Amino acid sequence: MRRKVASRWLAAGAAVVAGTVVALALQIPSASAATNLSLGAGADGSSKASGTSYGNVIDGNASTYWSPSGPTGTVSVKWDSATTLSSAVIVQASGGGSISGWQLKNYDTGAVLASGSSAPSTITFSSTSLKKVSFVITSGSGTPRIAEFETYSSGGSNPTTGPTSGPTSSPTSNPGTPTGAWPSSTGSVNISGTVNVSGTFDGGMKTYCCVGDGGQGESQDPMFKIANGGTLQNVILGSPAGDGVHCEGTCTLRNVWWNDIGEDAATFKQTNGGTSYVIGGGARSGSDKAFQHNGNGTVNISGFYLKGSGKLYRACGNCSTSYTRNVRIDNVLVDDIDMLAGINSNWNDTATITRVVVIGSATICGKYKGVPKGSEPSYLGEGWNDANCKVNRSDVTFR
């Protein structure tokens, strides 16, 4: 029988040492890396297709969108007072035209904060104080569809303390295109139970080990438990990793790697209707799923690499509460998996999927019939470009 070890709370900035369980009691900034500042802001623009709305890009709902009246146009997010930003996330809805040129502009001064020649996802730029930021589509085809224009402050993106002295790796805001390369570990940290995280935990690309038995037992403890609004970044989870990472509310997992998934890589328990983020990183050797979504709201997965697993994402089909759940998957590479996303169509779940490369074969968006706790969901089949599975065949490349 595996012995459970109770977590110990230490003061902020304490070091992790071998055999010690650590909880970082950091202050969460008012606008942390997990806080989408567009929610509660205003929106306007220069062009709008019939039946769409500027406000759709700030409603937290990936099922609604704004489109320009042609291939180009502008949509803006605005605040009553100056707001500091350092990144933005552009979430496209499926079924529209393509973007071949864009700019992110400080509307107050006209300065270009960032630009590109293909559809963006996460955009990073120098921290800027402004009252209005604009996403300008300068060239494209058809009428592109923007589901969400998310904005983020610099707060929480750089750790003020870490589990070790002098972490060598800084956070990755833009994960780039996953290649399948695995990161090198900068060292090892032995733990004997759950690490509780409040605020930002930067692991300096060290390997943390070990919790659990490496099997599929549902009662295993997580290696990391993230408080609402927290961030786990630059960490490698060794094997065994128990039940991986638990996000108690919305969280950000940035550049996190699982050497062996074990039970699940991460479980999202949020009930505040917000968005959790998986930015970069990778996982391998999982017999079931990598990301389990038990709460509500949205899980946004970008720049991730998965090798050898059942599913990248599964919306719980028999949890005690039957929430509507949403997932956005963009710019991911998967190798030797069975299914990219599993959702419950009878509970109005949605999966918005773009820029996926599949090595081998896989079901891209599987629809299930969610059932009460204690029963097993039934599989209904694969969906393409419908109300639940928002993905076109052109969004997926098989190799």
Protein backbone atom coordinates (compact mmCIF):
# COMPACT_ATOMS: atom_id res chain seq x y z
CA MET A 1 0.00 0.00 0.00
CA ARG A 2 1.35 3.40 -0.96
CA ARG A 3 1.84 5.78 1.93
CA LYS A 4 0.22 9.21 1.45
CA VAL A 5 2.35 12.12 2.60
CA ALA A 6 0.60 15.28 3.76
CA SER A 7 1.67 18.53 2.06
CA ARG A 8 3.56 21.07 4.15
CA TRP A 9 3.08 24.80 3.67
CA LEU A 10 6.29 26.81 3.67
CA ALA A 11 6.82 30.56 3.52
CA ALA A 12 7.08 32.27 0.16
CA GLY A 13 10.48 31.89 -1.42
CA ALA A 14 11.41 28.76 0.53
CA ALA A 15 13.65 26.26 -1.23
CA VAL A 16 12.65 22.76 -2.28
CA VAL A 17 14.98 20.15 -0.87
CA ALA A 18 15.07 16.42 -1.33
CA GLY A 19 12.20 14.64 0.40
CA THR A 20 10.28 17.83 1.14
CA VAL A 21 6.80 18.82 -0.04
CA VAL A 22 6.54 22.51 -0.80
CA ALA A 23 3.68 24.96 -1.21
CA LEU A 24 4.59 28.43 -2.44
CA ALA A 25 2.34 30.99 -0.78
CA LEU A 26 2.93 33.80 -3.27
CA GLN A 27 0.68 36.78 -3.78
CA ILE A 28 -1.38 36.50 -6.97
CA PRO A 29 -1.18 39.77 -8.94
CA SER A 30 -4.48 41.45 -9.72
CA ALA A 31 -3.82 40.74 -13.39
CA SER A 32 -1.90 37.46 -13.45
CA ALA A 33 -0.84 35.50 -16.49
CA ALA A 34 -4.12 33.59 -16.29
CA THR A 35 -6.35 36.70 -16.27
CA ASN A 36 -7.90 37.60 -19.62
CA LEU A 37 -8.22 41.40 -19.39
CA SER A 38 -10.58 41.51 -22.36
CA LEU A 39 -13.36 40.06 -20.23
CA GLY A 40 -15.26 43.05 -18.88
CA ALA A 41 -13.64 45.47 -21.35
CA GLY A 42 -15.28 47.16 -24.35
CA ALA A 43 -14.90 46.44 -28.05
CA ASP A 44 -15.32 48.23 -31.38
CA GLY A 45 -13.82 48.17 -34.85
CA SER A 46 -13.84 49.43 -38.42
CA SER A 47 -15.67 46.70 -40.32
CA LYS A 48 -18.31 44.14 -39.38
CA ALA A 49 -20.01 41.41 -41.39
CA SER A 50 -23.76 41.06 -41.09
CA GLY A 51 -24.79 38.94 -38.12
CA THR A 52 -21.50 39.31 -36.26
CA SER A 53 -20.52 41.58 -33.38
CA TYR A 54 -17.37 43.24 -32.07
CA GLY A 55 -18.45 42.20 -28.58
CA ASN A 56 -18.20 38.53 -29.54
CA VAL A 57 -14.39 38.69 -29.26
CA ILE A 58 -14.54 39.59 -25.55
CA ASP A 59 -17.37 37.33 -24.35
CA GLY A 60 -15.26 34.28 -23.44
CA ASN A 61 -17.36 32.15 -25.80
CA ALA A 62 -15.52 30.45 -28.66
CA SER A 63 -18.84 29.71 -30.38
CA THR A 64 -19.43 33.39 -31.24
CA TYR A 65 -17.22 35.51 -33.47
CA TRP A 66 -16.57 38.78 -35.31
CA SER A 67 -15.90 38.91 -39.03
CA PRO A 68 -14.98 41.92 -41.16
CA SER A 69 -17.25 42.67 -44.10
CA GLY A 70 -14.44 41.53 -46.42
CA PRO A 71 -10.96 39.99 -46.17
CA THR A 72 -9.58 42.91 -44.11
CA GLY A 73 -10.77 44.86 -41.10
CA THR A 74 -10.06 45.92 -37.51
CA VAL A 75 -11.41 44.85 -34.14
CA SER A 76 -10.33 46.57 -30.91
CA VAL A 77 -10.47 46.00 -27.16
CA LYS A 78 -10.69 49.11 -25.00
CA TRP A 79 -10.68 50.15 -21.34
CA ASP A 80 -11.76 53.30 -19.49
CA SER A 81 -8.30 53.74 -17.98
CA ALA A 82 -4.74 52.86 -19.03
CA THR A 83 -4.07 49.12 -18.92
CA THR A 84 -0.68 47.40 -19.18
CA LEU A 85 -0.42 44.57 -21.73
CA SER A 86 2.39 42.30 -22.84
CA SER A 87 0.59 39.58 -24.81
CA ALA A 88 -2.57 38.77 -26.71
CA VAL A 89 -4.20 35.59 -27.94
CA ILE A 90 -6.18 35.54 -31.20
CA VAL A 91 -8.61 32.61 -31.38
CA GLN A 92 -10.07 31.97 -34.82
CA ALA A 93 -13.40 30.29 -35.42
CA SER A 94 -13.56 27.64 -38.11
CA GLY A 95 -15.39 28.06 -41.40
CA GLY A 96 -14.18 31.56 -42.32
CA GLY A 97 -11.50 32.97 -44.54
CA SER A 98 -7.75 32.97 -43.95
CA ILE A 99 -5.44 35.68 -42.59
CA SER A 100 -2.24 36.36 -44.57
CA GLY A 101 -1.21 39.64 -42.94
CA TRP A 102 -1.94 41.32 -39.60
CA GLN A 103 -0.80 43.97 -37.14
CA LEU A 104 -1.40 44.48 -33.44
CA LYS A 105 -1.50 48.23 -32.83
CA ASN A 106 -1.54 50.60 -29.89
CA TYR A 107 -4.61 52.58 -30.93
CA ASP A 108 -3.64 55.48 -28.65
CA THR A 109 -0.37 56.18 -30.48
CA GLY A 110 -0.69 54.22 -33.72
CA ALA A 111 2.46 52.23 -32.87
CA VAL A 112 2.67 48.67 -34.24
CA LEU A 113 3.27 46.30 -31.31
CA ALA A 114 3.63 43.16 -33.45
CA SER A 115 2.89 41.94 -36.96
CA GLY A 116 2.93 38.77 -39.02
CA SER A 117 2.24 37.14 -42.38
CA SER A 118 0.16 34.16 -41.24
CA ALA A 119 -2.67 33.60 -38.79
CA PRO A 120 -1.41 34.29 -35.25
CA SER A 121 -2.21 32.52 -32.00
CA THR A 122 -0.22 33.88 -29.05
CA ILE A 123 1.32 37.33 -29.66
CA THR A 124 3.95 38.73 -27.31
CA PHE A 125 5.36 42.26 -27.28
CA SER A 126 7.08 44.77 -25.00
CA SER A 127 4.98 45.68 -21.99
CA THR A 128 2.84 48.67 -22.99
CA SER A 129 0.34 50.88 -21.16
CA LEU A 130 -2.64 51.81 -23.32
CA LYS A 131 -6.38 52.31 -23.31
CA LYS A 132 -7.17 50.60 -26.61
CA VAL A 133 -5.47 47.85 -28.61
CA SER A 134 -6.41 46.90 -32.16
CA PHE A 135 -6.02 43.70 -34.14
CA VAL A 136 -5.81 44.72 -37.80
CA ILE A 137 -6.21 42.17 -40.60
CA THR A 138 -4.19 43.76 -43.40
CA SER A 139 -4.59 40.98 -45.96
CA GLY A 140 -6.50 37.74 -46.29
CA SER A 141 -9.11 35.83 -48.21
CA GLY A 142 -12.82 35.41 -47.66
CA THR A 143 -14.04 36.80 -44.34
CA PRO A 144 -11.82 35.64 -41.44
CA ARG A 145 -13.59 34.84 -38.18
CA ILE A 146 -12.17 35.92 -34.81
CA ALA A 147 -13.81 34.13 -31.89
CA GLU A 148 -11.77 35.72 -29.08
CA PHE A 149 -9.30 38.61 -28.77
CA GLU A 150 -7.73 37.89 -25.38
CA THR A 151 -5.31 40.29 -23.70
CA TYR A 152 -2.90 39.79 -20.83
CA SER A 153 -0.80 41.93 -18.52
CA SER A 154 2.83 41.26 -17.64
CA GLY A 155 1.74 40.45 -14.09
CA GLY A 156 2.65 36.90 -13.15
CA SER A 157 4.63 36.22 -16.33
CA ASN A 158 7.98 36.57 -14.55
CA PRO A 159 8.35 34.73 -11.24
CA THR A 160 9.38 36.73 -8.20
CA THR A 161 10.60 33.58 -6.53
CA GLY A 162 11.05 29.96 -7.44
CA PRO A 163 11.45 26.52 -5.94
CA THR A 164 15.20 26.66 -6.47
CA SER A 165 17.68 29.47 -6.36
CA GLY A 166 18.31 31.16 -9.69
CA PRO A 167 16.11 29.34 -12.19
CA THR A 168 17.91 29.19 -15.51
CA SER A 169 14.85 29.21 -17.78
CA SER A 170 12.50 32.12 -18.33
CA PRO A 171 8.82 31.63 -19.19
CA THR A 172 7.82 30.89 -22.75
CA SER A 173 4.87 33.05 -23.79
CA ASN A 174 4.99 32.02 -27.45
CA PRO A 175 5.68 28.28 -27.63
CA GLY A 176 6.48 28.21 -31.34
CA THR A 177 5.75 25.18 -33.51
CA PRO A 178 6.27 21.84 -31.72
CA THR A 179 8.91 19.64 -33.34
CA GLY A 180 8.89 16.52 -31.17
CA ALA A 181 12.23 17.41 -29.57
CA TRP A 182 12.38 16.68 -25.84
CA PRO A 183 14.02 19.17 -23.44
CA SER A 184 17.15 18.48 -21.41
CA SER A 185 16.80 18.47 -17.64
CA THR A 186 18.91 20.89 -15.62
CA GLY A 187 18.82 18.70 -12.50
CA SER A 188 16.61 16.60 -10.24
CA VAL A 189 14.40 17.40 -7.27
CA ASN A 190 13.06 14.56 -5.14
CA ILE A 191 9.62 15.04 -3.60
CA SER A 192 7.49 12.63 -1.61
CA GLY A 193 4.03 14.14 -2.00
CA THR A 194 1.96 16.88 -3.57
CA VAL A 195 3.52 20.28 -4.22
CA ASN A 196 0.91 23.00 -3.63
CA VAL A 197 1.32 26.10 -5.80
CA SER A 198 -0.23 29.53 -5.32
CA GLY A 199 1.02 32.25 -7.67
CA THR A 200 3.84 31.28 -10.05
CA PHE A 201 6.10 28.24 -9.66
CA ASP A 202 9.13 28.21 -11.98
CA GLY A 203 10.98 24.89 -11.93
CA GLY A 204 14.05 26.03 -13.86
CA MET A 205 13.64 22.97 -16.15
CA LYS A 206 14.49 20.58 -13.35
CA THR A 207 12.91 17.10 -13.19
CA TYR A 208 10.57 16.59 -10.21
CA CYS A 209 9.99 13.04 -9.00
CA CYS A 210 8.22 11.00 -7.64
CA VAL A 211 4.57 10.46 -6.59
CA GLY A 212 2.32 7.42 -7.02
CA ASP A 213 2.96 4.12 -8.71
CA GLY A 214 2.82 5.06 -12.40
CA GLY A 215 -0.44 3.17 -12.97
CA GLN A 216 -4.02 4.18 -13.79
CA GLY A 217 -5.34 4.13 -10.21
CA GLU A 218 -7.88 6.94 -9.76
CA SER A 219 -6.94 7.52 -6.10
CA GLN A 220 -3.37 8.68 -6.71
CA ASP A 221 -2.32 12.10 -5.48
CA PRO A 222 -1.22 14.77 -7.99
CA MET A 223 2.41 15.86 -8.10
CA PHE A 224 1.38 19.53 -8.35
CA LYS A 225 -1.85 21.15 -7.15
CA ILE A 226 -2.36 24.67 -8.58
CA ALA A 227 -4.57 27.21 -6.81
CA ASN A 228 -7.01 29.35 -8.81
CA GLY A 229 -5.09 31.79 -11.05
CA GLY A 230 -1.77 30.01 -10.53
CA THR A 231 0.98 29.23 -13.03
CA LEU A 232 3.28 26.22 -13.29
CA GLN A 233 6.12 26.69 -15.74
CA ASN A 234 9.46 25.27 -16.87
CA VAL A 235 9.00 21.92 -15.13
CA ILE A 236 9.68 18.31 -16.15
CA LEU A 237 7.60 15.69 -14.33
CA GLY A 238 9.54 12.48 -13.81
CA SER A 239 8.07 9.01 -13.46
CA PRO A 240 5.99 8.09 -11.57
CA ALA A 241 4.06 11.38 -11.46
CA GLY A 242 0.87 10.19 -9.72
CA ASP A 243 -2.16 12.00 -11.09
CA GLY A 244 0.01 14.66 -12.72
CA VAL A 245 -1.18 18.23 -12.17
CA HIS A 246 -4.49 19.34 -10.66
CA CYS A 247 -5.76 22.84 -11.45
CA GLU A 248 -8.23 23.71 -8.71
CA GLY A 249 -9.43 26.77 -10.66
CA THR A 250 -8.24 28.41 -13.87
CA CYS A 251 -4.48 27.99 -14.32
CA THR A 252 -1.63 28.31 -16.79
CA LEU A 253 0.72 25.41 -17.57
CA ARG A 254 3.62 26.89 -19.53
CA ASN A 255 6.47 24.76 -20.89
CA VAL A 256 5.58 21.76 -18.70
CA TRP A 257 6.74 18.29 -19.77
CA TRP A 258 5.63 14.83 -18.63
CA ASN A 259 8.21 12.06 -19.11
CA ASP A 260 5.47 9.47 -18.45
CA ILE A 261 1.82 10.49 -18.21
CA GLY A 262 0.82 7.73 -15.81
CA GLU A 263 -2.83 8.36 -14.88
CA ASP A 264 -3.47 11.82 -16.42
CA ALA A 265 -1.06 14.64 -17.28
CA ALA A 266 -3.37 17.35 -15.90
CA THR A 267 -6.93 17.64 -14.60
CA PHE A 268 -8.83 20.95 -14.88
CA LYS A 269 -11.37 21.46 -12.09
CA GLN A 270 -12.30 25.10 -12.60
CA THR A 271 -15.92 26.06 -11.92
CA ASN A 272 -15.67 29.82 -12.54
CA GLY A 273 -16.39 29.61 -16.26
CA GLY A 274 -12.91 30.92 -17.13
CA THR A 275 -10.10 29.70 -19.38
CA SER A 276 -7.09 27.60 -18.45
CA TYR A 277 -4.03 27.52 -20.70
CA VAL A 278 -1.53 24.88 -21.76
CA ILE A 279 1.23 26.77 -23.57
CA GLY A 280 4.03 24.71 -25.10
CA GLY A 281 5.40 21.61 -23.40
CA GLY A 282 4.77 17.97 -24.12
CA ALA A 283 3.86 14.55 -22.75
CA ARG A 284 4.45 10.92 -23.64
CA SER A 285 3.62 7.33 -22.70
CA GLY A 286 0.00 7.57 -21.61
CA SER A 287 -2.48 4.71 -21.92
CA ASP A 288 -5.55 6.95 -21.58
CA LYS A 289 -5.78 10.75 -21.92
CA ALA A 290 -3.37 13.61 -21.29
CA PHE A 291 -5.77 16.40 -20.27
CA GLN A 292 -8.93 15.68 -18.30
CA HIS A 293 -11.52 18.49 -18.06
CA ASN A 294 -13.81 17.94 -15.07
CA GLY A 295 -14.92 21.51 -14.40
CA ASN A 296 -16.55 24.03 -16.74
CA GLY A 297 -15.27 26.86 -18.95
CA THR A 298 -12.52 26.43 -21.53
CA VAL A 299 -9.14 24.73 -21.80
CA ASN A 300 -6.83 26.32 -24.40
CA ILE A 301 -3.99 24.08 -25.65
CA SER A 302 -1.34 25.58 -27.95
CA GLY A 303 2.14 24.58 -29.10
CA PHE A 304 1.92 21.16 -27.41
CA TYR A 305 3.53 17.83 -28.37
CA LEU A 306 2.00 14.47 -27.42
CA LYS A 307 3.44 11.04 -28.20
CA GLY A 308 1.92 7.68 -27.40
CA SER A 309 -1.40 8.25 -25.63
CA GLY A 310 -5.10 7.60 -25.91
CA LYS A 311 -6.38 11.19 -26.17
CA LEU A 312 -4.94 14.67 -25.95
CA TYR A 313 -8.12 16.03 -24.31
CA ARG A 314 -11.28 14.55 -22.81
CA ALA A 315 -14.25 16.46 -21.44
CA CYS A 316 -15.53 14.39 -18.54
CA GLY A 317 -18.54 12.36 -19.62
CA ASN A 318 -19.66 11.05 -16.24
CA CYS A 319 -18.62 13.51 -13.55
CA SER A 320 -20.96 14.44 -10.71
CA THR A 321 -21.87 17.73 -12.45
CA SER A 322 -22.77 17.79 -16.16
CA TYR A 323 -21.14 21.04 -17.26
CA THR A 324 -20.81 22.39 -20.78
CA ARG A 325 -17.08 22.31 -21.56
CA ASN A 326 -15.03 23.88 -24.35
CA VAL A 327 -11.56 23.20 -25.67
CA ARG A 328 -9.41 25.13 -28.13
CA ILE A 329 -6.54 23.23 -29.71
CA ASP A 330 -4.10 25.08 -31.95
CA ASN A 331 -0.62 24.41 -33.31
CA VAL A 332 -0.09 20.93 -31.84
CA LEU A 333 1.87 17.86 -32.94
CA VAL A 334 0.60 14.40 -31.98
CA ASP A 335 2.23 11.06 -32.67
CA ASP A 336 0.73 7.62 -32.09
CA ILE A 337 -2.51 8.63 -30.38
CA ASP A 338 -6.10 7.40 -30.74
CA MET A 339 -8.07 10.65 -30.51
CA LEU A 340 -7.27 14.34 -30.34
CA ALA A 341 -10.37 15.57 -28.46
CA GLY A 342 -13.32 13.80 -26.92
CA ILE A 343 -16.39 15.92 -26.09
CA ASN A 344 -20.01 15.39 -25.02
CA SER A 345 -22.30 16.68 -27.74
CA ASN A 346 -25.49 16.23 -25.69
CA TRP A 347 -24.10 18.73 -23.14
CA ASN A 348 -23.22 21.22 -25.92
CA ASP A 349 -19.46 20.83 -25.53
CA THR A 350 -17.33 22.37 -28.29
CA ALA A 351 -13.86 21.66 -29.67
CA THR A 352 -12.28 24.39 -31.83
CA ILE A 353 -9.29 22.85 -33.61
CA THR A 354 -6.73 24.48 -35.91
CA ARG A 355 -3.20 23.75 -37.19
CA VAL A 356 -2.83 20.13 -36.10
CA VAL A 357 -0.20 17.69 -37.38
CA VAL A 358 -0.92 13.99 -36.80
CA ILE A 359 1.79 11.37 -37.25
CA GLY A 360 -0.08 8.16 -38.00
CA SER A 361 -3.86 8.13 -37.76
CA ALA A 362 -6.28 9.42 -35.15
CA THR A 363 -9.88 10.48 -34.62
CA ILE A 364 -9.74 14.28 -34.49
CA CYS A 365 -12.99 15.18 -32.72
CA GLY A 366 -14.91 12.35 -31.10
CA LYS A 367 -18.45 12.94 -29.87
CA TYR A 368 -19.86 11.14 -26.84
CA LYS A 369 -23.17 11.04 -25.00
CA GLY A 370 -22.49 12.27 -21.47
CA VAL A 371 -24.17 10.31 -18.68
CA PRO A 372 -24.67 10.59 -14.89
CA LYS A 373 -21.88 9.60 -12.54
CA GLY A 374 -21.61 5.85 -12.22
CA SER A 375 -22.49 5.12 -15.85
CA GLU A 376 -20.24 4.97 -18.91
CA PRO A 377 -20.56 7.48 -21.81
CA SER A 378 -21.41 6.02 -25.21
CA TYR A 379 -19.41 6.96 -28.32
CA LEU A 380 -21.48 8.65 -31.04
CA GLY A 381 -18.87 9.09 -33.77
CA GLU A 382 -16.48 11.63 -35.24
CA GLY A 383 -17.56 15.19 -36.07
CA TRP A 384 -16.26 17.66 -38.65
CA ASN A 385 -17.21 21.32 -39.02
CA ASP A 386 -20.45 21.10 -37.04
CA ALA A 387 -21.92 22.76 -33.95
CA ASN A 388 -19.71 20.75 -31.57
CA CYS A 389 -16.62 19.91 -33.63
CA LYS A 390 -15.40 23.21 -35.07
CA VAL A 391 -12.68 21.84 -37.30
CA ASN A 392 -12.17 21.66 -41.06
CA ARG A 393 -10.25 18.85 -42.72
CA SER A 394 -7.85 21.48 -44.06
CA ASP A 395 -6.90 22.30 -40.42
CA VAL A 396 -5.37 18.83 -39.96
CA THR A 397 -2.27 17.40 -41.66
CA PHE A 398 -1.67 13.64 -41.50
CA ARG A 399 1.86 12.32 -41.95
